[in-house]
Amino acid sequence: MSKKVTPYKESELGKKEQVKQMFDNISGNYDGLNRVISFGTDVKWRKRIVAFLKDKSPNSILDIATGTGDLAIAMAKTGAEKIVGLDLSPGMLEVGKKKVSNKNLQSTIEMVVGDSENLPFEENSFDAITVAFGVRNFENLEKGLEEIHRVLKPGGHFVVLETSVPTKTPFKQGYKIYTKHIMPAIGKLFSKDRSAYTYLSESASVFPHGEAFNNILRKIGFIGVENKPQTMGVASIYVASK
């Protein structure tokens, strides 16, 4: 990333610890705010990931930065026998565990605390790995991607859903106004953590999206890399394999 953005600018903690603290703070209202801020389009984007992976018939899936487990739960529809949702934030995972239990998916989905840059799995462990709105929170992006490449099976699929920045007028200007002013304002209205949604918009603005991210994936060793812009370019789905 061209600029290091952290949630709490006055904190002496590293980015990883700050991100954990931030998501613990906002875990209780994260799902509701996500729906409002994205106008519900994040649900549609996740469905496209599920459709892509269902066609690949993975037996095991790792969902990194799983948060409250929305994507992990949706991926039960792929038919995978084992889905692991991993996140730094115990607070987010507690919300996720309740959702998994409510859907009676405990035998399929396991929610675990873990660090994306030091994954607690052996090499070649998963048929598919996903990250939705999480790679921009990695403290060391390349290290996290190297870990993902390590635990992905040869021939396995890696799918990333991440915010990006529209390049066409007037969407580019509208997106800038929305993410810089409106999104943080909504977050501050409904969240006790006033810094969180400012960080989320700032981190999205500096993330190397599009071909820049494609090139990082290729550098790590992923093959078949491509990105699919979503909803006028406000997000992208990246797909790659090992």
Protein backbone atom coordinates (compact mmCIF):
# COMPACT_ATOMS: atom_id res chain seq x y z
CA MET A 1 0.00 0.00 0.00
CA SER A 2 1.32 3.45 -0.87
CA LYS A 3 0.40 4.86 2.54
CA LYS A 4 0.01 3.13 5.89
CA VAL A 5 -3.39 3.92 7.37
CA THR A 6 -4.29 2.88 10.92
CA PRO A 7 -7.57 3.17 12.86
CA TYR A 8 -6.19 5.18 15.79
CA LYS A 9 -3.64 7.74 14.70
CA GLU A 10 -2.54 8.60 18.25
CA SER A 11 -2.08 4.96 19.31
CA GLU A 12 1.35 3.44 19.77
CA LEU A 13 0.04 -0.03 18.93
CA GLY A 14 0.88 -1.63 15.59
CA LYS A 15 -1.75 -1.75 12.85
CA LYS A 16 -2.65 -5.37 13.59
CA GLU A 17 -3.43 -4.66 17.25
CA GLN A 18 -5.34 -1.51 16.31
CA VAL A 19 -7.48 -3.37 13.77
CA LYS A 20 -8.27 -6.05 16.35
CA GLN A 21 -9.29 -3.39 18.88
CA MET A 22 -11.40 -1.54 16.31
CA PHE A 23 -13.37 -4.59 15.21
CA ASP A 24 -13.90 -5.68 18.81
CA ASN A 25 -15.35 -2.21 19.45
CA ILE A 26 -17.78 -2.21 16.53
CA SER A 27 -18.69 -5.91 16.45
CA GLY A 28 -22.14 -5.44 17.96
CA ASN A 29 -23.47 -3.19 15.19
CA TYR A 30 -21.13 -4.09 12.33
CA ASP A 31 -23.63 -6.16 10.33
CA GLY A 32 -26.38 -3.57 10.41
CA LEU A 33 -24.06 -0.73 9.51
CA ASN A 34 -22.58 -2.74 6.66
CA ARG A 35 -26.02 -3.18 5.11
CA VAL A 36 -26.75 0.54 5.42
CA ILE A 37 -23.39 1.80 4.18
CA SER A 38 -23.26 -0.53 1.15
CA PHE A 39 -27.01 -0.22 0.41
CA GLY A 40 -27.14 -4.01 0.69
CA THR A 41 -24.91 -4.58 -2.33
CA ASP A 42 -22.33 -6.45 -0.21
CA VAL A 43 -24.83 -9.32 -0.01
CA LYS A 44 -24.97 -9.52 -3.80
CA TRP A 45 -21.19 -9.49 -4.11
CA ARG A 46 -20.87 -12.39 -1.65
CA LYS A 47 -23.44 -14.39 -3.62
CA ARG A 48 -21.21 -14.06 -6.70
CA ILE A 49 -18.27 -15.51 -4.78
CA VAL A 50 -20.43 -18.41 -3.62
CA ALA A 51 -21.61 -19.07 -7.19
CA PHE A 52 -18.01 -19.04 -8.45
CA LEU A 53 -16.80 -21.50 -5.81
CA LYS A 54 -19.84 -23.76 -6.02
CA ASP A 55 -18.85 -24.43 -9.61
CA LYS A 56 -15.38 -25.53 -8.38
CA SER A 57 -16.78 -28.02 -5.79
CA PRO A 58 -14.26 -27.35 -2.99
CA ASN A 59 -14.23 -29.77 -0.07
CA SER A 60 -12.48 -27.39 2.33
CA ILE A 61 -12.61 -23.59 2.48
CA LEU A 62 -10.76 -21.07 4.63
CA ASP A 63 -12.40 -17.65 5.02
CA ILE A 64 -9.81 -15.18 6.33
CA ALA A 65 -10.90 -11.98 8.11
CA THR A 66 -14.26 -13.72 8.40
CA GLY A 67 -15.59 -11.11 10.83
CA THR A 68 -19.13 -12.05 11.82
CA GLY A 69 -19.09 -14.93 9.33
CA ASP A 70 -21.38 -13.68 6.56
CA LEU A 71 -19.28 -15.14 3.76
CA ALA A 72 -18.41 -18.34 5.65
CA ILE A 73 -22.11 -18.97 6.28
CA ALA A 74 -23.06 -18.19 2.67
CA MET A 75 -20.40 -20.63 1.44
CA ALA A 76 -22.20 -23.54 3.07
CA LYS A 77 -24.17 -23.51 -0.19
CA THR A 78 -21.04 -24.59 -2.08
CA GLY A 79 -21.40 -28.05 -0.55
CA ALA A 80 -18.00 -27.87 1.16
CA GLU A 81 -17.68 -30.32 4.06
CA LYS A 82 -15.35 -28.08 6.06
CA ILE A 83 -15.35 -24.28 6.30
CA VAL A 84 -13.03 -22.43 8.68
CA GLY A 85 -13.67 -18.77 9.47
CA LEU A 86 -10.56 -17.06 10.86
CA ASP A 87 -10.34 -13.58 12.36
CA LEU A 88 -8.17 -11.50 14.71
CA SER A 89 -11.19 -10.13 16.58
CA PRO A 90 -12.79 -12.32 19.26
CA GLY A 91 -15.66 -9.84 19.42
CA MET A 92 -16.55 -10.29 15.75
CA LEU A 93 -16.18 -14.07 16.04
CA GLU A 94 -18.58 -14.23 19.00
CA VAL A 95 -21.26 -12.60 16.84
CA GLY A 96 -20.37 -15.01 14.03
CA LYS A 97 -20.59 -18.07 16.26
CA LYS A 98 -24.13 -17.14 17.28
CA LYS A 99 -25.12 -16.79 13.61
CA VAL A 100 -23.56 -20.17 12.78
CA SER A 101 -25.42 -21.76 15.69
CA ASN A 102 -28.72 -20.17 14.69
CA LYS A 103 -28.37 -21.74 11.25
CA ASN A 104 -27.33 -25.13 12.68
CA LEU A 105 -24.07 -25.07 10.74
CA GLN A 106 -21.72 -25.96 13.63
CA SER A 107 -20.80 -29.29 12.03
CA THR A 108 -19.62 -27.50 8.86
CA ILE A 109 -18.29 -24.12 10.01
CA GLU A 110 -15.58 -23.60 12.62
CA MET A 111 -14.80 -20.07 13.79
CA VAL A 112 -11.24 -19.56 15.08
CA VAL A 113 -9.12 -16.69 16.33
CA GLY A 114 -6.03 -16.34 14.16
CA ASP A 115 -3.56 -14.09 12.39
CA SER A 116 -3.69 -13.91 8.59
CA GLU A 117 0.06 -13.34 8.50
CA ASN A 118 0.82 -16.45 10.57
CA LEU A 119 -1.83 -18.99 9.63
CA PRO A 120 -2.08 -22.01 11.99
CA PHE A 121 -2.38 -24.53 9.16
CA GLU A 122 -0.04 -26.81 7.26
CA GLU A 123 0.95 -26.26 3.64
CA ASN A 124 -1.61 -27.22 0.99
CA SER A 125 -4.51 -27.47 3.48
CA PHE A 126 -7.47 -25.87 1.65
CA ASP A 127 -9.18 -26.25 -1.72
CA ALA A 128 -10.29 -22.60 -1.63
CA ILE A 129 -9.47 -19.49 0.39
CA THR A 130 -11.52 -16.31 0.52
CA VAL A 131 -11.08 -12.84 2.00
CA ALA A 132 -13.95 -10.34 1.94
CA PHE A 133 -13.07 -6.74 2.87
CA GLY A 134 -10.03 -7.91 4.80
CA VAL A 135 -6.83 -7.73 2.78
CA ARG A 136 -6.59 -3.98 3.19
CA ASN A 137 -6.41 -4.57 6.96
CA PHE A 138 -3.32 -6.77 6.72
CA GLU A 139 -0.37 -5.12 8.46
CA ASN A 140 1.98 -6.66 5.90
CA LEU A 141 0.01 -7.30 2.72
CA GLU A 142 2.60 -9.44 0.95
CA LYS A 143 3.29 -11.56 4.03
CA GLY A 144 -0.42 -12.27 4.40
CA LEU A 145 -0.73 -13.22 0.74
CA GLU A 146 2.35 -15.47 1.00
CA GLU A 147 0.70 -17.30 3.90
CA ILE A 148 -2.48 -17.74 1.88
CA HIS A 149 -0.47 -19.13 -1.03
CA ARG A 150 1.30 -21.52 1.36
CA VAL A 151 -1.86 -23.11 2.81
CA LEU A 152 -3.78 -23.22 -0.49
CA LYS A 153 -3.66 -26.56 -2.28
CA PRO A 154 -2.09 -26.72 -5.77
CA GLY A 155 -4.91 -26.04 -8.22
CA GLY A 156 -6.92 -24.41 -5.43
CA HIS A 157 -8.76 -21.11 -5.82
CA PHE A 158 -8.22 -17.81 -4.03
CA VAL A 159 -11.02 -15.22 -4.14
CA VAL A 160 -10.84 -11.69 -2.74
CA LEU A 161 -13.69 -9.21 -2.41
CA GLU A 162 -12.36 -5.76 -1.68
CA THR A 163 -13.32 -2.13 -2.10
CA SER A 164 -11.85 -0.26 -5.03
CA VAL A 165 -12.10 3.23 -6.47
CA PRO A 166 -14.24 3.97 -9.57
CA THR A 167 -12.28 5.52 -12.42
CA LYS A 168 -15.12 6.90 -14.54
CA THR A 169 -16.93 10.22 -14.13
CA PRO A 170 -19.28 10.90 -12.32
CA PHE A 171 -18.90 7.73 -10.22
CA LYS A 172 -15.34 8.64 -9.23
CA GLN A 173 -16.40 12.01 -7.78
CA GLY A 174 -19.53 10.60 -6.14
CA TYR A 175 -17.58 7.77 -4.54
CA LYS A 176 -15.01 10.20 -3.12
CA ILE A 177 -17.70 12.38 -1.52
CA TYR A 178 -19.56 9.37 -0.15
CA THR A 179 -16.56 7.58 1.37
CA LYS A 180 -14.85 10.70 2.71
CA HIS A 181 -17.84 12.45 4.24
CA ILE A 182 -21.08 10.46 4.25
CA MET A 183 -19.85 7.00 5.25
CA PRO A 184 -17.85 8.19 8.29
CA ALA A 185 -20.81 10.35 9.34
CA ILE A 186 -23.16 7.35 9.26
CA GLY A 187 -20.63 5.29 11.20
CA LYS A 188 -20.26 7.97 13.88
CA LEU A 189 -24.04 8.19 14.30
CA PHE A 190 -24.46 4.49 15.03
CA SER A 191 -21.09 3.34 16.37
CA LYS A 192 -19.40 4.05 19.68
CA ASP A 193 -16.04 3.97 17.89
CA ARG A 194 -15.83 7.29 16.04
CA SER A 195 -12.54 6.42 14.31
CA ALA A 196 -13.59 3.10 12.80
CA TYR A 197 -15.53 4.20 9.75
CA THR A 198 -13.10 6.99 8.97
CA TYR A 199 -10.37 4.33 8.92
CA LEU A 200 -12.43 2.00 6.74
CA SER A 201 -12.91 4.68 4.08
CA GLU A 202 -9.29 5.90 4.27
CA SER A 203 -7.85 2.39 4.01
CA ALA A 204 -10.02 1.70 0.96
CA SER A 205 -8.78 4.84 -0.77
CA VAL A 206 -5.09 3.86 -0.57
CA PHE A 207 -5.42 0.14 -1.26
CA PRO A 208 -3.70 -0.99 -4.52
CA HIS A 209 -6.82 -2.04 -6.39
CA GLY A 210 -7.29 -3.35 -9.91
CA GLU A 211 -4.19 -4.21 -11.91
CA ALA A 212 -1.92 -3.04 -9.09
CA PHE A 213 -3.32 -5.74 -6.81
CA ASN A 214 -3.28 -8.27 -9.66
CA ASN A 215 0.45 -7.66 -10.04
CA ILE A 216 1.06 -8.21 -6.31
CA LEU A 217 -0.79 -11.54 -6.52
CA ARG A 218 1.35 -12.58 -9.50
CA LYS A 219 4.51 -11.55 -7.63
CA ILE A 220 3.54 -13.85 -4.74
CA GLY A 221 3.14 -16.75 -7.18
CA PHE A 222 -0.57 -16.91 -7.91
CA ILE A 223 -1.61 -17.79 -11.45
CA GLY A 224 -4.73 -17.15 -13.53
CA VAL A 225 -5.13 -13.79 -11.84
CA GLU A 226 -8.00 -11.53 -12.88
CA ASN A 227 -10.24 -8.93 -11.31
CA LYS A 228 -13.93 -8.31 -11.87
CA PRO A 229 -15.12 -4.77 -11.00
CA GLN A 230 -18.48 -4.65 -9.21
CA THR A 231 -21.20 -1.99 -9.12
CA MET A 232 -19.56 0.75 -11.19
CA GLY A 233 -16.15 -0.05 -9.72
CA VAL A 234 -16.81 0.55 -6.02
CA ALA A 235 -15.60 -3.00 -5.30
CA SER A 236 -13.74 -5.75 -7.11
CA ILE A 237 -13.72 -9.53 -6.98
CA TYR A 238 -10.25 -10.94 -7.61
CA VAL A 239 -9.79 -14.57 -8.54
CA ALA A 240 -6.53 -16.51 -8.71
CA SER A 241 -5.24 -20.03 -8.28
CA LYS A 242 -2.07 -21.86 -7.22
